[in-house]
Amino acid sequence: MTEENKKKPNPIDIHVGSRIRLRRNMLGMSQEKLGENLGITFQQIQKYEKGTNRVGASRLQAIASILSVPVAFFFEDAPGEETGGGNRGFAEDSSMAFAIE
């Protein structure tokens, strides 16, 4: 891996971050408020939203809960996502709805 590739954010990280920003803005929530709810700084939220820092699974779950969306919301229309019905690997069809009780 070249030095340039190490510094460039992964397209998925950028996409997830942009979806966090989209939902946060839809709710009229500031980066500071989201950070307070998570116990982190607004600067860390900025890094997540830019894709500079990756969001861990547990943190993404917490963000989804605060923003009232399923975790899958952050991956909708992600780069490299197949269209036309073909699923890769063991991934579930994101259009399927599941009821858990």
C-alpha atoms as a PDB file:
ATOM      1  CA  MET A   1       0.000   0.000   0.000  1.00  0.00           C
ATOM      2  CA  THR A   2       1.451   3.355  -0.978  1.00  0.00           C
ATOM      3  CA  GLU A   3       1.690   6.313   1.365  1.00  0.00           C
ATOM      4  CA  GLU A   4      -0.982   8.123  -0.689  1.00  0.00           C
ATOM      5  CA  ASN A   5      -3.488   5.267  -0.269  1.00  0.00           C
ATOM      6  CA  LYS A   6      -2.972   5.218   3.501  1.00  0.00           C
ATOM      7  CA  LYS A   7      -4.114   8.827   3.797  1.00  0.00           C
ATOM      8  CA  LYS A   8      -7.074   8.619   1.423  1.00  0.00           C
ATOM      9  CA  PRO A   9     -10.373   7.718   3.148  1.00  0.00           C
ATOM     10  CA  ASN A  10     -12.151   4.589   1.974  1.00  0.00           C
ATOM     11  CA  PRO A  11     -15.216   5.354  -0.210  1.00  0.00           C
ATOM     12  CA  ILE A  12     -17.451   3.370   2.165  1.00  0.00           C
ATOM     13  CA  ASP A  13     -16.223   5.404   5.154  1.00  0.00           C
ATOM     14  CA  ILE A  14     -16.940   8.605   3.217  1.00  0.00           C
ATOM     15  CA  HIS A  15     -20.414   7.343   2.295  1.00  0.00           C
ATOM     16  CA  VAL A  16     -21.288   6.288   5.854  1.00  0.00           C
ATOM     17  CA  GLY A  17     -20.092   9.683   7.103  1.00  0.00           C
ATOM     18  CA  SER A  18     -22.152  11.543   4.533  1.00  0.00           C
ATOM     19  CA  ARG A  19     -25.240   9.558   5.562  1.00  0.00           C
ATOM     20  CA  ILE A  20     -24.591  10.434   9.225  1.00  0.00           C
ATOM     21  CA  ARG A  21     -24.399  14.106   8.217  1.00  0.00           C
ATOM     22  CA  LEU A  22     -27.536  13.811   6.057  1.00  0.00           C
ATOM     23  CA  ARG A  23     -29.643  12.325   8.848  1.00  0.00           C
ATOM     24  CA  ARG A  24     -28.239  14.670  11.499  1.00  0.00           C
ATOM     25  CA  ASN A  25     -29.129  17.658   9.301  1.00  0.00           C
ATOM     26  CA  MET A  26     -32.592  16.220   8.572  1.00  0.00           C
ATOM     27  CA  LEU A  27     -33.213  16.276  12.321  1.00  0.00           C
ATOM     28  CA  GLY A  28     -31.726  19.758  12.760  1.00  0.00           C
ATOM     29  CA  MET A  29     -29.123  18.360  15.157  1.00  0.00           C
ATOM     30  CA  SER A  30     -25.699  19.973  15.532  1.00  0.00           C
ATOM     31  CA  GLN A  31     -22.424  18.050  15.510  1.00  0.00           C
ATOM     32  CA  GLU A  32     -21.946  19.247  19.073  1.00  0.00           C
ATOM     33  CA  LYS A  33     -25.306  17.796  20.193  1.00  0.00           C
ATOM     34  CA  LEU A  34     -24.647  14.444  18.525  1.00  0.00           C
ATOM     35  CA  GLY A  35     -21.193  14.374  20.101  1.00  0.00           C
ATOM     36  CA  GLU A  36     -22.651  15.139  23.538  1.00  0.00           C
ATOM     37  CA  ASN A  37     -25.098  12.249  23.176  1.00  0.00           C
ATOM     38  CA  LEU A  38     -22.212   9.939  22.277  1.00  0.00           C
ATOM     39  CA  GLY A  39     -19.766  11.302  24.844  1.00  0.00           C
ATOM     40  CA  ILE A  40     -17.299  12.491  22.191  1.00  0.00           C
ATOM     41  CA  THR A  41     -16.247  15.855  20.741  1.00  0.00           C
ATOM     42  CA  PHE A  42     -17.844  17.560  17.760  1.00  0.00           C
ATOM     43  CA  GLN A  43     -14.418  17.331  16.097  1.00  0.00           C
ATOM     44  CA  GLN A  44     -14.697  13.537  16.190  1.00  0.00           C
ATOM     45  CA  ILE A  45     -18.148  13.802  14.591  1.00  0.00           C
ATOM     46  CA  GLN A  46     -16.573  15.953  11.839  1.00  0.00           C
ATOM     47  CA  LYS A  47     -13.963  13.253  11.223  1.00  0.00           C
ATOM     48  CA  TYR A  48     -16.650  10.570  11.006  1.00  0.00           C
ATOM     49  CA  GLU A  49     -18.711  12.670   8.604  1.00  0.00           C
ATOM     50  CA  LYS A  50     -15.705  13.317   6.337  1.00  0.00           C
ATOM     51  CA  GLY A  51     -14.690   9.652   6.400  1.00  0.00           C
ATOM     52  CA  THR A  52     -11.321  10.596   7.898  1.00  0.00           C
ATOM     53  CA  ASN A  53     -11.971   8.304  10.891  1.00  0.00           C
ATOM     54  CA  ARG A  54     -13.857   5.040  10.625  1.00  0.00           C
ATOM     55  CA  VAL A  55     -16.938   4.532  12.755  1.00  0.00           C
ATOM     56  CA  GLY A  56     -16.803   1.320  14.789  1.00  0.00           C
ATOM     57  CA  ALA A  57     -19.777  -1.039  14.859  1.00  0.00           C
ATOM     58  CA  SER A  58     -20.868  -0.215  18.411  1.00  0.00           C
ATOM     59  CA  ARG A  59     -20.515   3.511  17.786  1.00  0.00           C
ATOM     60  CA  LEU A  60     -22.494   3.232  14.531  1.00  0.00           C
ATOM     61  CA  GLN A  61     -25.248   1.390  16.422  1.00  0.00           C
ATOM     62  CA  ALA A  62     -25.332   4.204  19.002  1.00  0.00           C
ATOM     63  CA  ILE A  63     -25.480   6.845  16.248  1.00  0.00           C
ATOM     64  CA  ALA A  64     -28.324   4.962  14.548  1.00  0.00           C
ATOM     65  CA  SER A  65     -30.239   4.869  17.825  1.00  0.00           C
ATOM     66  CA  ILE A  66     -29.749   8.597  18.489  1.00  0.00           C
ATOM     67  CA  LEU A  67     -30.710   9.501  14.908  1.00  0.00           C
ATOM     68  CA  SER A  68     -33.684   7.061  14.945  1.00  0.00           C
ATOM     69  CA  VAL A  69     -32.691   5.051  11.882  1.00  0.00           C
ATOM     70  CA  PRO A  70     -31.643   1.432  11.335  1.00  0.00           C
ATOM     71  CA  VAL A  71     -27.902   0.860  10.882  1.00  0.00           C
ATOM     72  CA  ALA A  72     -28.618  -0.147   7.268  1.00  0.00           C
ATOM     73  CA  PHE A  73     -29.599   3.487   6.567  1.00  0.00           C
ATOM     74  CA  PHE A  74     -25.923   4.453   6.570  1.00  0.00           C
ATOM     75  CA  PHE A  75     -25.110   1.933   3.819  1.00  0.00           C
ATOM     76  CA  GLU A  76     -27.989   2.691   1.439  1.00  0.00           C
ATOM     77  CA  ASP A  77     -26.679   3.488  -2.059  1.00  0.00           C
ATOM     78  CA  ALA A  78     -23.109   2.787  -0.924  1.00  0.00           C
ATOM     79  CA  PRO A  79     -20.385   2.690  -3.597  1.00  0.00           C
ATOM     80  CA  GLY A  80     -19.933  -0.785  -5.029  1.00  0.00           C
ATOM     81  CA  GLU A  81     -23.432  -1.836  -3.985  1.00  0.00           C
ATOM     82  CA  GLU A  82     -24.936  -4.116  -6.595  1.00  0.00           C
ATOM     83  CA  THR A  83     -28.180  -3.136  -8.237  1.00  0.00           C
ATOM     84  CA  GLY A  84     -30.647  -5.397  -9.970  1.00  0.00           C
ATOM     85  CA  GLY A  85     -31.292  -7.965  -7.253  1.00  0.00           C
ATOM     86  CA  GLY A  86     -28.011  -9.900  -7.040  1.00  0.00           C
ATOM     87  CA  ASN A  87     -26.793 -10.295  -3.462  1.00  0.00           C
ATOM     88  CA  ARG A  88     -23.127 -10.814  -2.680  1.00  0.00           C
ATOM     89  CA  GLY A  89     -21.988 -13.340  -0.101  1.00  0.00           C
ATOM     90  CA  PHE A  90     -24.276 -13.854   2.864  1.00  0.00           C
ATOM     91  CA  ALA A  91     -25.611 -10.304   2.973  1.00  0.00           C
ATOM     92  CA  GLU A  92     -29.342 -10.000   3.437  1.00  0.00           C
ATOM     93  CA  ASP A  93     -31.469  -8.111   0.943  1.00  0.00           C
ATOM     94  CA  SER A  94     -31.615  -4.613   2.455  1.00  0.00           C
ATOM     95  CA  SER A  95     -35.185  -4.163   1.208  1.00  0.00           C
ATOM     96  CA  MET A  96     -36.458  -6.969   3.462  1.00  0.00           C
ATOM     97  CA  ALA A  97     -38.218  -5.945   6.647  1.00  0.00           C
ATOM     98  CA  PHE A  98     -37.887  -7.995   9.825  1.00  0.00           C
ATOM     99  CA  ALA A  99     -40.006  -7.770  12.955  1.00  0.00           C
ATOM    100  CA  ILE A 100     -38.193  -8.590  16.176  1.00  0.00           C
ATOM    101  CA  GLU A 101     -40.061  -9.116  19.401  1.00  0.00           C
END
